[in-house]
């Protein structure tokens, strides 16, 4: 963050974990996400990065709700809902 504070919302997931999502309180842009079961893993929303080209995808999640036109890389792991591979 370059300035200001983020707004964080917490809610229960289907798994029972408490998930959190952080947003810019001014414009609502998603910034980060995580949960209490894997506290060392924080998802950084790609739209927050100046140059996301240096990062690679780890997998596809929530594939059961993906639209039919969404392209998925066949060599990456998938999770129908909450990922187990993170």
N, C-alpha and C. Protein backbone atom coordinates (compact mmCIF):
# COMPACT_ATOMS: atom_id res chain seq x y z
N UNK A 1 0.83 -1.18 0.00
CA UNK A 1 0.00 0.00 0.00
C UNK A 1 0.87 1.23 0.00
N UNK A 2 0.54 2.16 -0.85
CA UNK A 2 1.32 3.39 -0.90
C UNK A 2 0.83 4.40 0.13
N UNK A 3 -0.46 4.38 0.41
CA UNK A 3 -1.00 5.29 1.42
C UNK A 3 -2.37 4.80 1.85
N UNK A 4 -2.81 5.30 2.98
CA UNK A 4 -4.15 4.98 3.47
C UNK A 4 -4.25 3.61 4.12
N UNK A 5 -5.44 3.30 4.55
CA UNK A 5 -5.73 2.04 5.21
C UNK A 5 -6.68 1.23 4.34
N UNK A 6 -6.64 -0.07 4.50
CA UNK A 6 -7.57 -0.92 3.76
C UNK A 6 -8.76 -1.23 4.65
N UNK A 7 -9.86 -1.58 4.03
CA UNK A 7 -11.06 -2.02 4.74
C UNK A 7 -11.14 -3.53 4.59
N UNK A 8 -11.34 -4.25 5.68
CA UNK A 8 -11.36 -5.71 5.64
C UNK A 8 -12.70 -6.23 6.12
N UNK A 9 -13.24 -7.19 5.38
CA UNK A 9 -14.49 -7.85 5.73
C UNK A 9 -14.21 -9.32 5.98
N UNK A 10 -14.81 -9.87 7.00
CA UNK A 10 -14.65 -11.29 7.35
C UNK A 10 -16.00 -11.98 7.25
N UNK A 11 -15.97 -13.24 6.80
CA UNK A 11 -17.20 -14.03 6.72
C UNK A 11 -16.84 -15.51 6.76
N UNK A 12 -17.80 -16.35 7.19
CA UNK A 12 -17.53 -17.79 7.22
C UNK A 12 -17.60 -18.40 5.82
N UNK A 13 -16.69 -19.32 5.55
CA UNK A 13 -16.67 -20.05 4.28
C UNK A 13 -17.43 -21.36 4.45
N UNK A 14 -17.71 -22.04 3.35
CA UNK A 14 -18.36 -23.35 3.40
C UNK A 14 -17.55 -24.34 4.24
N UNK A 15 -16.24 -24.17 4.26
CA UNK A 15 -15.35 -25.08 4.99
C UNK A 15 -15.38 -24.85 6.50
N UNK A 16 -15.94 -23.74 6.91
CA UNK A 16 -15.92 -23.38 8.33
C UNK A 16 -14.84 -22.38 8.66
N UNK A 17 -13.90 -22.19 7.75
CA UNK A 17 -12.85 -21.19 7.96
C UNK A 17 -13.45 -19.79 7.89
N UNK A 18 -12.80 -18.86 8.54
CA UNK A 18 -13.18 -17.47 8.40
C UNK A 18 -12.31 -16.88 7.30
N UNK A 19 -12.94 -16.39 6.25
CA UNK A 19 -12.21 -15.77 5.15
C UNK A 19 -12.26 -14.27 5.31
N UNK A 20 -11.24 -13.62 4.82
CA UNK A 20 -11.23 -12.16 4.85
C UNK A 20 -10.85 -11.62 3.48
N UNK A 21 -11.39 -10.48 3.18
CA UNK A 21 -11.12 -9.79 1.92
C UNK A 21 -10.87 -8.33 2.23
N UNK A 22 -9.80 -7.79 1.67
CA UNK A 22 -9.47 -6.38 1.90
C UNK A 22 -9.69 -5.58 0.63
N UNK A 23 -10.21 -4.38 0.83
CA UNK A 23 -10.57 -3.48 -0.26
C UNK A 23 -10.06 -2.08 0.04
N UNK A 24 -9.95 -1.28 -1.01
CA UNK A 24 -9.71 0.15 -0.84
C UNK A 24 -11.02 0.76 -0.32
N UNK A 25 -10.98 1.50 0.80
CA UNK A 25 -12.21 2.06 1.33
C UNK A 25 -12.77 3.21 0.49
N UNK A 26 -11.95 3.75 -0.40
CA UNK A 26 -12.41 4.86 -1.24
C UNK A 26 -13.10 4.41 -2.52
N UNK A 27 -12.49 3.43 -3.22
CA UNK A 27 -13.03 3.02 -4.53
C UNK A 27 -13.56 1.59 -4.58
N UNK A 28 -13.26 0.80 -3.54
CA UNK A 28 -13.74 -0.58 -3.50
C UNK A 28 -12.89 -1.59 -4.24
N UNK A 29 -11.74 -1.18 -4.75
CA UNK A 29 -10.87 -2.11 -5.47
C UNK A 29 -10.43 -3.25 -4.55
N UNK A 30 -10.60 -4.52 -4.98
CA UNK A 30 -10.11 -5.65 -4.17
C UNK A 30 -8.58 -5.62 -4.10
N UNK A 31 -8.03 -5.85 -2.91
CA UNK A 31 -6.58 -5.81 -2.72
C UNK A 31 -6.00 -7.18 -2.35
N UNK A 32 -6.50 -7.78 -1.28
CA UNK A 32 -5.96 -9.02 -0.75
C UNK A 32 -7.09 -9.92 -0.27
N UNK A 33 -6.77 -11.20 -0.09
CA UNK A 33 -7.73 -12.14 0.51
C UNK A 33 -6.96 -13.23 1.23
N UNK A 34 -7.61 -13.86 2.19
CA UNK A 34 -6.99 -14.95 2.93
C UNK A 34 -8.00 -15.61 3.84
N UNK A 35 -7.52 -16.53 4.67
CA UNK A 35 -8.41 -17.18 5.63
C UNK A 35 -7.62 -17.60 6.86
N UNK A 36 -8.35 -17.95 7.92
CA UNK A 36 -7.70 -18.28 9.18
C UNK A 36 -7.07 -19.66 9.21
N UNK A 37 -7.41 -20.54 8.26
CA UNK A 37 -6.83 -21.89 8.25
C UNK A 37 -5.47 -21.94 7.57
N UNK A 38 -5.18 -20.99 6.70
CA UNK A 38 -3.87 -20.91 6.05
C UNK A 38 -3.34 -19.48 6.19
N UNK A 39 -2.96 -19.07 7.40
CA UNK A 39 -2.57 -17.68 7.63
C UNK A 39 -1.30 -17.25 6.90
N UNK A 40 -0.47 -18.20 6.45
CA UNK A 40 0.76 -17.85 5.73
C UNK A 40 0.52 -17.59 4.25
N UNK A 41 -0.70 -17.85 3.78
CA UNK A 41 -1.04 -17.63 2.38
C UNK A 41 -1.95 -16.42 2.28
N UNK A 42 -1.52 -15.43 1.51
CA UNK A 42 -2.34 -14.24 1.24
C UNK A 42 -2.42 -14.07 -0.26
N UNK A 43 -3.63 -14.02 -0.78
CA UNK A 43 -3.83 -13.79 -2.21
C UNK A 43 -3.74 -12.29 -2.47
N UNK A 44 -2.86 -11.92 -3.38
CA UNK A 44 -2.73 -10.53 -3.81
C UNK A 44 -3.47 -10.41 -5.14
N UNK A 45 -4.43 -9.54 -5.20
CA UNK A 45 -5.23 -9.39 -6.41
C UNK A 45 -4.36 -8.81 -7.53
N UNK A 46 -4.36 -9.46 -8.67
CA UNK A 46 -3.46 -9.10 -9.77
C UNK A 46 -3.67 -7.66 -10.25
N UNK A 47 -4.88 -7.15 -10.12
CA UNK A 47 -5.16 -5.78 -10.55
C UNK A 47 -4.46 -4.73 -9.71
N UNK A 48 -3.89 -5.12 -8.58
CA UNK A 48 -3.18 -4.16 -7.73
C UNK A 48 -1.73 -4.00 -8.12
N UNK A 49 -1.23 -4.87 -8.99
CA UNK A 49 0.19 -4.86 -9.34
C UNK A 49 0.48 -3.94 -10.51
N UNK A 50 1.59 -3.23 -10.43
CA UNK A 50 2.01 -2.37 -11.55
C UNK A 50 2.36 -3.21 -12.77
N UNK A 51 3.03 -4.35 -12.56
CA UNK A 51 3.42 -5.21 -13.67
C UNK A 51 3.27 -6.68 -13.24
N UNK A 52 2.13 -7.30 -13.52
CA UNK A 52 1.92 -8.68 -13.09
C UNK A 52 2.62 -9.72 -13.97
N UNK A 53 3.35 -9.30 -14.99
CA UNK A 53 3.96 -10.23 -15.94
C UNK A 53 4.99 -11.16 -15.29
N UNK A 54 5.59 -10.77 -14.18
CA UNK A 54 6.60 -11.58 -13.54
C UNK A 54 6.06 -12.70 -12.66
N UNK A 55 4.75 -12.79 -12.55
CA UNK A 55 4.14 -13.80 -11.70
C UNK A 55 3.51 -14.89 -12.55
N UNK A 56 3.38 -16.08 -11.98
CA UNK A 56 2.76 -17.18 -12.71
C UNK A 56 1.53 -17.67 -11.95
N UNK A 57 0.61 -18.25 -12.67
CA UNK A 57 -0.58 -18.82 -12.03
C UNK A 57 -0.19 -20.08 -11.27
N UNK A 58 -0.86 -20.32 -10.15
CA UNK A 58 -0.62 -21.52 -9.35
C UNK A 58 -1.69 -22.57 -9.62
N UNK A 59 -2.84 -22.16 -10.08
CA UNK A 59 -3.94 -23.09 -10.32
C UNK A 59 -5.22 -22.34 -10.59
N UNK A 60 -6.27 -23.09 -10.82
CA UNK A 60 -7.60 -22.52 -11.07
C UNK A 60 -8.51 -22.93 -9.93
N UNK A 61 -9.19 -21.95 -9.33
CA UNK A 61 -10.08 -22.25 -8.22
C UNK A 61 -11.52 -21.86 -8.55
N UNK A 62 -12.44 -22.44 -7.81
CA UNK A 62 -13.88 -22.21 -7.99
C UNK A 62 -14.29 -22.51 -9.43
N UNK A 63 -13.77 -23.59 -9.96
CA UNK A 63 -14.05 -23.94 -11.36
C UNK A 63 -15.49 -24.38 -11.59
N UNK A 64 -16.19 -24.79 -10.52
CA UNK A 64 -17.59 -25.21 -10.72
C UNK A 64 -18.50 -24.04 -11.05
N UNK A 65 -18.04 -22.82 -10.81
CA UNK A 65 -18.86 -21.66 -11.15
C UNK A 65 -18.25 -20.84 -12.29
N UNK A 66 -17.22 -21.38 -12.94
CA UNK A 66 -16.60 -20.67 -14.06
C UNK A 66 -17.51 -20.69 -15.28
N UNK A 67 -17.57 -19.60 -16.03
CA UNK A 67 -18.36 -19.61 -17.26
C UNK A 67 -17.73 -20.54 -18.29
N UNK A 68 -18.51 -21.07 -19.21
CA UNK A 68 -17.98 -22.04 -20.17
C UNK A 68 -16.87 -21.48 -21.07
N UNK A 69 -16.81 -20.18 -21.24
CA UNK A 69 -15.80 -19.59 -22.11
C UNK A 69 -14.47 -19.33 -21.39
N UNK A 70 -14.42 -19.54 -20.06
CA UNK A 70 -13.19 -19.28 -19.31
C UNK A 70 -12.12 -20.30 -19.68
N UNK A 71 -10.97 -19.82 -20.10
CA UNK A 71 -9.87 -20.69 -20.49
C UNK A 71 -9.06 -21.11 -19.27
N UNK A 72 -8.86 -22.42 -19.15
CA UNK A 72 -8.04 -22.94 -18.05
C UNK A 72 -6.86 -23.69 -18.63
N UNK A 73 -5.70 -23.49 -18.03
CA UNK A 73 -4.50 -24.18 -18.48
C UNK A 73 -4.54 -25.62 -17.98
N UNK A 74 -4.49 -26.60 -18.87
CA UNK A 74 -4.67 -28.00 -18.48
C UNK A 74 -3.56 -28.55 -17.58
N UNK A 75 -2.40 -27.92 -17.55
CA UNK A 75 -1.30 -28.45 -16.73
C UNK A 75 -1.30 -27.89 -15.30
N UNK A 76 -2.27 -27.04 -14.97
CA UNK A 76 -2.35 -26.49 -13.62
C UNK A 76 -3.40 -27.23 -12.81
N UNK A 77 -3.19 -27.31 -11.48
CA UNK A 77 -4.21 -27.95 -10.64
C UNK A 77 -5.49 -27.13 -10.63
N UNK A 78 -6.61 -27.81 -10.40
CA UNK A 78 -7.91 -27.14 -10.32
C UNK A 78 -8.59 -27.53 -9.02
N UNK A 79 -9.49 -26.67 -8.60
CA UNK A 79 -10.33 -26.95 -7.43
C UNK A 79 -11.74 -26.46 -7.75
N UNK A 80 -12.71 -27.33 -7.58
CA UNK A 80 -14.09 -26.97 -7.89
C UNK A 80 -14.57 -25.83 -7.00
N UNK A 81 -14.09 -25.79 -5.78
CA UNK A 81 -14.50 -24.75 -4.84
C UNK A 81 -13.28 -24.26 -4.06
N UNK A 82 -13.26 -24.48 -2.76
CA UNK A 82 -12.11 -24.05 -1.96
C UNK A 82 -10.89 -24.91 -2.30
N UNK A 83 -9.76 -24.29 -2.58
CA UNK A 83 -8.58 -25.06 -3.01
C UNK A 83 -7.91 -25.80 -1.87
N UNK A 84 -7.39 -26.98 -2.20
CA UNK A 84 -6.59 -27.76 -1.27
C UNK A 84 -5.10 -27.65 -1.60
N UNK A 85 -4.79 -27.12 -2.80
CA UNK A 85 -3.40 -27.12 -3.26
C UNK A 85 -2.63 -25.88 -2.86
N UNK A 86 -3.25 -24.96 -2.14
CA UNK A 86 -2.53 -23.74 -1.77
C UNK A 86 -1.69 -23.99 -0.59
